[in-house]
């Protein structure tokens, strides 16, 4: 099952980091996410996250979260949290 948790607001191509604006729920290291957009569609496990350049294990809504991504992402790509049901 997938739940939309936010969208990508920025992408830093040199370091492969996408900025996720978390709109609901919480995201933790170890969670699996699905990033989907116009030309983007892939799944990945969250290995590390940063909030204001500090490593965090959990992110809450309203926080811009830096995520290392395996593939390029684009602004406004949707981010879904994948849960097993």
PDB file of N, CA and C in Angstrom:
ATOM      1  N   UNK A   1       0.846  -1.185   0.000  1.00  0.00           N
ATOM      2  CA  UNK A   1       0.000   0.000   0.000  1.00  0.00           C
ATOM      3  C   UNK A   1       0.890   1.247   0.000  1.00  0.00           C
ATOM      4  N   UNK A   2       0.424   2.295  -0.645  1.00  0.00           N
ATOM      5  CA  UNK A   2       1.211   3.527  -0.707  1.00  0.00           C
ATOM      6  C   UNK A   2       0.377   4.715  -0.237  1.00  0.00           C
ATOM      7  N   UNK A   3       1.035   5.611   0.491  1.00  0.00           N
ATOM      8  CA  UNK A   3       0.382   6.828   0.958  1.00  0.00           C
ATOM      9  C   UNK A   3       1.236   8.022   0.549  1.00  0.00           C
ATOM     10  N   UNK A   4       0.590   9.008  -0.068  1.00  0.00           N
ATOM     11  CA  UNK A   4       1.334  10.208  -0.451  1.00  0.00           C
ATOM     12  C   UNK A   4       1.742  10.970   0.804  1.00  0.00           C
ATOM     13  N   UNK A   5       3.043  11.279   0.898  1.00  0.00           N
ATOM     14  CA  UNK A   5       3.527  11.977   2.094  1.00  0.00           C
ATOM     15  C   UNK A   5       4.115  13.347   1.777  1.00  0.00           C
ATOM     16  N   UNK A   6       4.310  13.644   0.499  1.00  0.00           N
ATOM     17  CA  UNK A   6       4.859  14.953   0.170  1.00  0.00           C
ATOM     18  C   UNK A   6       5.312  15.030  -1.271  1.00  0.00           C
ATOM     19  N   UNK A   7       6.100  16.087  -1.545  1.00  0.00           N
ATOM     20  CA  UNK A   7       6.605  16.260  -2.905  1.00  0.00           C
ATOM     21  C   UNK A   7       8.012  16.828  -2.875  1.00  0.00           C
ATOM     22  N   UNK A   8       8.720  16.609  -3.974  1.00  0.00           N
ATOM     23  CA  UNK A   8      10.085  17.104  -4.109  1.00  0.00           C
ATOM     24  C   UNK A   8      10.029  18.601  -4.434  1.00  0.00           C
ATOM     25  N   UNK A   9      10.805  19.400  -3.711  1.00  0.00           N
ATOM     26  CA  UNK A   9      10.831  20.843  -3.976  1.00  0.00           C
ATOM     27  C   UNK A   9      12.127  21.290  -4.623  1.00  0.00           C
ATOM     28  N   UNK A  10      13.178  20.457  -4.532  1.00  0.00           N
ATOM     29  CA  UNK A  10      14.457  20.842  -5.125  1.00  0.00           C
ATOM     30  C   UNK A  10      15.308  19.597  -5.328  1.00  0.00           C
ATOM     31  N   UNK A  11      16.238  19.675  -6.275  1.00  0.00           N
ATOM     32  CA  UNK A  11      17.143  18.562  -6.524  1.00  0.00           C
ATOM     33  C   UNK A  11      18.547  19.089  -6.745  1.00  0.00           C
ATOM     34  N   UNK A  12      19.485  18.543  -5.999  1.00  0.00           N
ATOM     35  CA  UNK A  12      20.892  18.918  -6.129  1.00  0.00           C
ATOM     36  C   UNK A  12      21.591  17.790  -6.887  1.00  0.00           C
ATOM     37  N   UNK A  13      21.793  17.981  -8.193  1.00  0.00           N
ATOM     38  CA  UNK A  13      22.295  16.902  -9.037  1.00  0.00           C
ATOM     39  C   UNK A  13      23.727  16.500  -8.700  1.00  0.00           C
ATOM     40  N   UNK A  14      24.558  17.444  -8.265  1.00  0.00           N
ATOM     41  CA  UNK A  14      25.963  17.114  -7.993  1.00  0.00           C
ATOM     42  C   UNK A  14      26.112  16.129  -6.831  1.00  0.00           C
ATOM     43  N   UNK A  15      25.183  16.190  -5.877  1.00  0.00           N
ATOM     44  CA  UNK A  15      25.284  15.306  -4.714  1.00  0.00           C
ATOM     45  C   UNK A  15      24.128  14.307  -4.632  1.00  0.00           C
ATOM     46  N   UNK A  16      23.285  14.270  -5.674  1.00  0.00           N
ATOM     47  CA  UNK A  16      22.148  13.330  -5.727  1.00  0.00           C
ATOM     48  C   UNK A  16      21.252  13.426  -4.498  1.00  0.00           C
ATOM     49  N   UNK A  17      20.875  14.648  -4.155  1.00  0.00           N
ATOM     50  CA  UNK A  17      20.001  14.857  -3.006  1.00  0.00           C
ATOM     51  C   UNK A  17      18.730  15.573  -3.463  1.00  0.00           C
ATOM     52  N   UNK A  18      17.598  15.015  -3.077  1.00  0.00           N
ATOM     53  CA  UNK A  18      16.313  15.654  -3.321  1.00  0.00           C
ATOM     54  C   UNK A  18      15.790  16.220  -2.015  1.00  0.00           C
ATOM     55  N   UNK A  19      15.131  17.370  -2.106  1.00  0.00           N
ATOM     56  CA  UNK A  19      14.512  17.966  -0.917  1.00  0.00           C
ATOM     57  C   UNK A  19      13.029  17.627  -0.941  1.00  0.00           C
ATOM     58  N   UNK A  20      12.592  16.930   0.091  1.00  0.00           N
ATOM     59  CA  UNK A  20      11.203  16.504   0.223  1.00  0.00           C
ATOM     60  C   UNK A  20      10.494  17.435   1.192  1.00  0.00           C
ATOM     61  N   UNK A  21       9.403  18.041   0.738  1.00  0.00           N
ATOM     62  CA  UNK A  21       8.541  18.827   1.635  1.00  0.00           C
ATOM     63  C   UNK A  21       7.502  17.848   2.164  1.00  0.00           C
ATOM     64  N   UNK A  22       7.681  17.432   3.403  1.00  0.00           N
ATOM     65  CA  UNK A  22       6.814  16.413   4.009  1.00  0.00           C
ATOM     66  C   UNK A  22       5.487  17.059   4.400  1.00  0.00           C
ATOM     67  N   UNK A  23       4.386  16.567   3.822  1.00  0.00           N
ATOM     68  CA  UNK A  23       3.090  17.197   4.084  1.00  0.00           C
ATOM     69  C   UNK A  23       2.239  16.426   5.092  1.00  0.00           C
ATOM     70  N   UNK A  24       2.466  15.108   5.218  1.00  0.00           N
ATOM     71  CA  UNK A  24       1.722  14.353   6.232  1.00  0.00           C
ATOM     72  C   UNK A  24       2.451  13.073   6.571  1.00  0.00           C
ATOM     73  N   UNK A  25       2.108  12.537   7.717  1.00  0.00           N
ATOM     74  CA  UNK A  25       2.765  11.330   8.171  1.00  0.00           C
ATOM     75  C   UNK A  25       4.170  11.631   8.650  1.00  0.00           C
ATOM     76  N   UNK A  26       4.928  10.561   8.891  1.00  0.00           N
ATOM     77  CA  UNK A  26       6.324  10.761   9.246  1.00  0.00           C
ATOM     78  C   UNK A  26       7.155   9.800   8.421  1.00  0.00           C
ATOM     79  N   UNK A  27       8.404  10.156   8.259  1.00  0.00           N
ATOM     80  CA  UNK A  27       9.313   9.347   7.455  1.00  0.00           C
ATOM     81  C   UNK A  27      10.494   8.979   8.331  1.00  0.00           C
ATOM     82  N   UNK A  28      10.904   7.714   8.266  1.00  0.00           N
ATOM     83  CA  UNK A  28      12.018   7.248   9.089  1.00  0.00           C
ATOM     84  C   UNK A  28      13.069   6.576   8.211  1.00  0.00           C
ATOM     85  N   UNK A  29      14.308   6.621   8.679  1.00  0.00           N
ATOM     86  CA  UNK A  29      15.372   5.872   8.015  1.00  0.00           C
ATOM     87  C   UNK A  29      14.957   4.406   8.013  1.00  0.00           C
ATOM     88  N   UNK A  30      15.097   3.750   6.868  1.00  0.00           N
ATOM     89  CA  UNK A  30      14.684   2.349   6.736  1.00  0.00           C
ATOM     90  C   UNK A  30      13.369   2.194   6.003  1.00  0.00           C
ATOM     91  N   UNK A  31      12.565   3.277   5.925  1.00  0.00           N
ATOM     92  CA  UNK A  31      11.308   3.223   5.184  1.00  0.00           C
ATOM     93  C   UNK A  31      11.583   3.091   3.684  1.00  0.00           C
ATOM     94  N   UNK A  32      10.630   2.506   2.979  1.00  0.00           N
ATOM     95  CA  UNK A  32      10.706   2.440   1.517  1.00  0.00           C
ATOM     96  C   UNK A  32       9.787   3.519   0.955  1.00  0.00           C
ATOM     97  N   UNK A  33      10.306   4.273  -0.024  1.00  0.00           N
ATOM     98  CA  UNK A  33       9.498   5.317  -0.655  1.00  0.00           C
ATOM     99  C   UNK A  33       9.405   5.062  -2.154  1.00  0.00           C
ATOM    100  N   UNK A  34       8.356   5.615  -2.757  1.00  0.00           N
ATOM    101  CA  UNK A  34       8.125   5.558  -4.204  1.00  0.00           C
ATOM    102  C   UNK A  34       8.074   7.011  -4.670  1.00  0.00           C
ATOM    103  N   UNK A  35       8.993   7.379  -5.549  1.00  0.00           N
ATOM    104  CA  UNK A  35       9.017   8.737  -6.088  1.00  0.00           C
ATOM    105  C   UNK A  35       8.492   8.668  -7.510  1.00  0.00           C
ATOM    106  N   UNK A  36       7.430   9.437  -7.774  1.00  0.00           N
ATOM    107  CA  UNK A  36       6.754   9.340  -9.064  1.00  0.00           C
ATOM    108  C   UNK A  36       6.465  10.731  -9.599  1.00  0.00           C
ATOM    109  N   UNK A  37       6.780  10.922 -10.857  1.00  0.00           N
ATOM    110  CA  UNK A  37       6.523  12.201 -11.504  1.00  0.00           C
ATOM    111  C   UNK A  37       6.401  12.018 -12.994  1.00  0.00           C
ATOM    112  N   UNK A  38       6.517  13.124 -13.721  1.00  0.00           N
ATOM    113  CA  UNK A  38       6.346  13.116 -15.171  1.00  0.00           C
ATOM    114  C   UNK A  38       7.312  12.135 -15.838  1.00  0.00           C
ATOM    115  N   UNK A  39       8.570  12.160 -15.440  1.00  0.00           N
ATOM    116  CA  UNK A  39       9.572  11.248 -16.018  1.00  0.00           C
ATOM    117  C   UNK A  39      10.250  10.402 -14.945  1.00  0.00           C
ATOM    118  N   UNK A  40       9.761  10.483 -13.725  1.00  0.00           N
ATOM    119  CA  UNK A  40      10.378   9.793 -12.594  1.00  0.00           C
ATOM    120  C   UNK A  40       9.454   8.690 -12.116  1.00  0.00           C
ATOM    121  N   UNK A  41       9.993   7.525 -11.824  1.00  0.00           N
ATOM    122  CA  UNK A  41       9.177   6.447 -11.261  1.00  0.00           C
ATOM    123  C   UNK A  41      10.104   5.371 -10.720  1.00  0.00           C
ATOM    124  N   UNK A  42      10.438   5.453  -9.432  1.00  0.00           N
ATOM    125  CA  UNK A  42      11.299   4.434  -8.837  1.00  0.00           C
ATOM    126  C   UNK A  42      11.041   4.307  -7.347  1.00  0.00           C
ATOM    127  N   UNK A  43      11.441   3.155  -6.839  1.00  0.00           N
ATOM    128  CA  UNK A  43      11.337   2.851  -5.410  1.00  0.00           C
ATOM    129  C   UNK A  43      12.737   2.853  -4.825  1.00  0.00           C
ATOM    130  N   UNK A  44      12.847   3.254  -3.571  1.00  0.00           N
ATOM    131  CA  UNK A  44      14.128   3.135  -2.881  1.00  0.00           C
ATOM    132  C   UNK A  44      13.909   3.122  -1.383  1.00  0.00           C
ATOM    133  N   UNK A  45      14.898   2.584  -0.685  1.00  0.00           N
ATOM    134  CA  UNK A  45      14.893   2.590   0.777  1.00  0.00           C
ATOM    135  C   UNK A  45      15.569   3.882   1.235  1.00  0.00           C
ATOM    136  N   UNK A  46      15.063   4.477   2.298  1.00  0.00           N
ATOM    137  CA  UNK A  46      15.659   5.692   2.851  1.00  0.00           C
ATOM    138  C   UNK A  46      16.859   5.280   3.707  1.00  0.00           C
ATOM    139  N   UNK A  47      18.065   5.603   3.225  1.00  0.00           N
ATOM    140  CA  UNK A  47      19.274   5.242   3.956  1.00  0.00           C
ATOM    141  C   UNK A  47      19.706   6.333   4.923  1.00  0.00           C
ATOM    142  N   UNK A  48      19.475   7.604   4.528  1.00  0.00           N
ATOM    143  CA  UNK A  48      19.844   8.714   5.405  1.00  0.00           C
ATOM    144  C   UNK A  48      19.004   9.934   5.055  1.00  0.00           C
ATOM    145  N   UNK A  49      18.781  10.766   6.058  1.00  0.00           N
ATOM    146  CA  UNK A  49      18.008  12.001   5.874  1.00  0.00           C
ATOM    147  C   UNK A  49      18.679  13.101   6.663  1.00  0.00           C
ATOM    148  N   UNK A  50      18.455  14.333   6.203  1.00  0.00           N
ATOM    149  CA  UNK A  50      18.948  15.487   6.949  1.00  0.00           C
ATOM    150  C   UNK A  50      17.848  16.543   7.016  1.00  0.00           C
ATOM    151  N   UNK A  51      17.780  17.210   8.153  1.00  0.00           N
ATOM    152  CA  UNK A  51      16.920  18.379   8.331  1.00  0.00           C
ATOM    153  C   UNK A  51      17.851  19.508   8.768  1.00  0.00           C
ATOM    154  N   UNK A  52      17.884  20.577   7.982  1.00  0.00           N
ATOM    155  CA  UNK A  52      18.783  21.703   8.246  1.00  0.00           C
ATOM    156  C   UNK A  52      20.228  21.227   8.427  1.00  0.00           C
ATOM    157  N   UNK A  53      20.680  20.377   7.525  1.00  0.00           N
ATOM    158  CA  UNK A  53      22.057  19.878   7.465  1.00  0.00           C
ATOM    159  C   UNK A  53      22.460  19.017   8.661  1.00  0.00           C
ATOM    160  N   UNK A  54      21.482  18.570   9.454  1.00  0.00           N
ATOM    161  CA  UNK A  54      21.761  17.681  10.581  1.00  0.00           C
ATOM    162  C   UNK A  54      21.133  16.316  10.298  1.00  0.00           C
ATOM    163  N   UNK A  55      21.895  15.239  10.464  1.00  0.00           N
ATOM    164  CA  UNK A  55      21.319  13.901  10.249  1.00  0.00           C
ATOM    165  C   UNK A  55      20.177  13.637  11.232  1.00  0.00           C
ATOM    166  N   UNK A  56      19.099  13.074  10.726  1.00  0.00           N
ATOM    167  CA  UNK A  56      17.957  12.719  11.580  1.00  0.00           C
ATOM    168  C   UNK A  56      17.496  11.307  11.221  1.00  0.00           C
ATOM    169  N   UNK A  57      16.818  10.659  12.170  1.00  0.00           N
ATOM    170  CA  UNK A  57      16.256   9.329  11.928  1.00  0.00           C
ATOM    171  C   UNK A  57      14.784   9.411  11.555  1.00  0.00           C
ATOM    172  N   UNK A  58      14.116  10.498  11.997  1.00  0.00           N
ATOM    173  CA  UNK A  58      12.688  10.663  11.752  1.00  0.00           C
ATOM    174  C   UNK A  58      12.415  12.101  11.332  1.00  0.00           C
ATOM    175  N   UNK A  59      11.545  12.264  10.337  1.00  0.00           N
ATOM    176  CA  UNK A  59      11.138  13.608   9.909  1.00  0.00           C
ATOM    177  C   UNK A  59       9.633  13.740  10.072  1.00  0.00           C
ATOM    178  N   UNK A  60       9.202  14.948  10.451  1.00  0.00           N
ATOM    179  CA  UNK A  60       7.782  15.216  10.684  1.00  0.00           C
ATOM    180  C   UNK A  60       7.248  16.182   9.624  1.00  0.00           C
ATOM    181  N   UNK A  61       5.922  16.248   9.455  1.00  0.00           N
ATOM    182  CA  UNK A  61       5.338  17.156   8.461  1.00  0.00           C
ATOM    183  C   UNK A  61       5.778  18.603   8.683  1.00  0.00           C
ATOM    184  N   UNK A  62       5.960  19.318   7.583  1.00  0.00           N
ATOM    185  CA  UNK A  62       6.358  20.715   7.646  1.00  0.00           C
ATOM    186  C   UNK A  62       7.856  20.906   7.571  1.00  0.00           C
ATOM    187  N   UNK A  63       8.601  19.824   7.701  1.00  0.00           N
ATOM    188  CA  UNK A  63      10.054  19.923   7.646  1.00  0.00           C
ATOM    189  C   UNK A  63      10.549  19.617   6.232  1.00  0.00           C
ATOM    190  N   UNK A  64      11.410  20.488   5.681  1.00  0.00           N
ATOM    191  CA  UNK A  64      12.058  20.109   4.423  1.00  0.00           C
ATOM    192  C   UNK A  64      13.173  19.108   4.732  1.00  0.00           C
ATOM    193  N   UNK A  65      13.115  17.957   4.079  1.00  0.00           N
ATOM    194  CA  UNK A  65      14.020  16.853   4.385  1.00  0.00           C
ATOM    195  C   UNK A  65      14.931  16.594   3.192  1.00  0.00           C
ATOM    196  N   UNK A  66      16.222  16.574   3.422  1.00  0.00           N
ATOM    197  CA  UNK A  66      17.165  16.222   2.372  1.00  0.00           C
ATOM    198  C   UNK A  66      17.335  14.710   2.327  1.00  0.00           C
ATOM    199  N   UNK A  67      17.094  14.116   1.139  1.00  0.00           N
ATOM    200  CA  UNK A  67      17.208  12.669   0.964  1.00  0.00           C
ATOM    201  C   UNK A  67      18.211  12.360  -0.128  1.00  0.00           C
ATOM    202  N   UNK A  68      19.107  11.440   0.134  1.00  0.00           N
ATOM    203  CA  UNK A  68      19.973  10.968  -0.940  1.00  0.00           C
ATOM    204  C   UNK A  68      19.118  10.066  -1.836  1.00  0.00           C
ATOM    205  N   UNK A  69      19.108  10.360  -3.140  1.00  0.00           N
ATOM    206  CA  UNK A  69      18.263   9.598  -4.066  1.00  0.00           C
ATOM    207  C   UNK A  69      19.126   8.819  -5.044  1.00  0.00           C
ATOM    208  N   UNK A  70      18.604   7.667  -5.456  1.00  0.00           N
ATOM    209  CA  UNK A  70      19.356   6.783  -6.345  1.00  0.00           C
ATOM    210  C   UNK A  70      19.276   7.230  -7.799  1.00  0.00           C
ATOM    211  N   UNK A  71      18.219   7.970  -8.140  1.00  0.00           N
ATOM    212  CA  UNK A  71      18.018   8.452  -9.504  1.00  0.00           C
ATOM    213  C   UNK A  71      17.675   9.938  -9.448  1.00  0.00           C
ATOM    214  N   UNK A  72      17.873  10.658 -10.555  1.00  0.00           N
ATOM    215  CA  UNK A  72      17.485  12.076 -10.554  1.00  0.00           C
ATOM    216  C   UNK A  72      15.985  12.237 -10.302  1.00  0.00           C
ATOM    217  N   UNK A  73      15.638  13.286  -9.574  1.00  0.00           N
ATOM    218  CA  UNK A  73      14.234  13.620  -9.317  1.00  0.00           C
ATOM    219  C   UNK A  73      13.989  15.034  -9.798  1.00  0.00           C
ATOM    220  N   UNK A  74      12.719  15.404  -9.906  1.00  0.00           N
ATOM    221  CA  UNK A  74      12.377  16.738 -10.385  1.00  0.00           C
ATOM    222  C   UNK A  74      11.447  17.426  -9.398  1.00  0.00           C
ATOM    223  N   UNK A  75      11.427  18.749  -9.473  1.00  0.00           N
ATOM    224  CA  UNK A  75      10.488  19.503  -8.647  1.00  0.00           C
ATOM    225  C   UNK A  75       9.076  19.002  -8.912  1.00  0.00           C
ATOM    226  N   UNK A  76       8.285  18.912  -7.849  1.00  0.00           N
ATOM    227  CA  UNK A  76       6.884  18.494  -7.889  1.00  0.00           C
ATOM    228  C   UNK A  76       6.673  16.999  -8.103  1.00  0.00           C
ATOM    229  N   UNK A  77       7.762  16.203  -8.148  1.00  0.00           N
ATOM    230  CA  UNK A  77       7.565  14.755  -8.122  1.00  0.00           C
ATOM    231  C   UNK A  77       6.887  14.409  -6.797  1.00  0.00           C
ATOM    232  N   UNK A  78       5.935  13.493  -6.846  1.00  0.00           N
ATOM    233  CA  UNK A  78       5.233  13.072  -5.630  1.00  0.00           C
ATOM    234  C   UNK A  78       6.035  11.970  -4.935  1.00  0.00           C
ATOM    235  N   UNK A  79       5.972  11.996  -3.610  1.00  0.00           N
ATOM    236  CA  UNK A  79       6.668  10.982  -2.818  1.00  0.00           C
ATOM    237  C   UNK A  79       5.629  10.216  -2.009  1.00  0.00           C
ATOM    238  N   UNK A  80       5.677   8.891  -2.141  1.00  0.00           N
ATOM    239  CA  UNK A  80       4.748   8.013  -1.445  1.00  0.00           C
ATOM    240  C   UNK A  80       5.542   7.136  -0.484  1.00  0.00           C
ATOM    241  N   UNK A  81       4.969   6.895   0.684  1.00  0.00           N
ATOM    242  CA  UNK A  81       5.576   5.955   1.627  1.00  0.00           C
ATOM    243  C   UNK A  81       4.929   4.600   1.361  1.00  0.00           C
ATOM    244  N   UNK A  82       5.754   3.582   1.206  1.00  0.00           N
ATOM    245  CA  UNK A  82       5.261   2.243   0.908  1.00  0.00           C
ATOM    246  C   UNK A  82       5.127   1.467   2.217  1.00  0.00           C
ATOM    247  N   UNK A  83       3.922   0.961   2.467  1.00  0.00           N
ATOM    248  CA  UNK A  83       3.702   0.190   3.686  1.00  0.00           C
ATOM    249  C   UNK A  83       3.176  -1.185   3.302  1.00  0.00           C
ATOM    250  N   UNK A  84       3.556  -2.172   4.062  1.00  0.00           N
ATOM    251  CA  UNK A  84       3.070  -3.529   3.790  1.00  0.00           C
ATOM    252  C   UNK A  84       1.792  -3.744   4.574  1.00  0.00           C
ATOM    253  N   UNK A  85       0.785  -4.179   3.861  1.00  0.00           N
ATOM    254  CA  UNK A  85      -0.524  -4.431   4.503  1.00  0.00           C
ATOM    255  C   UNK A  85      -0.924  -5.865   4.265  1.00  0.00           C
TER     256      UNK A  85
END
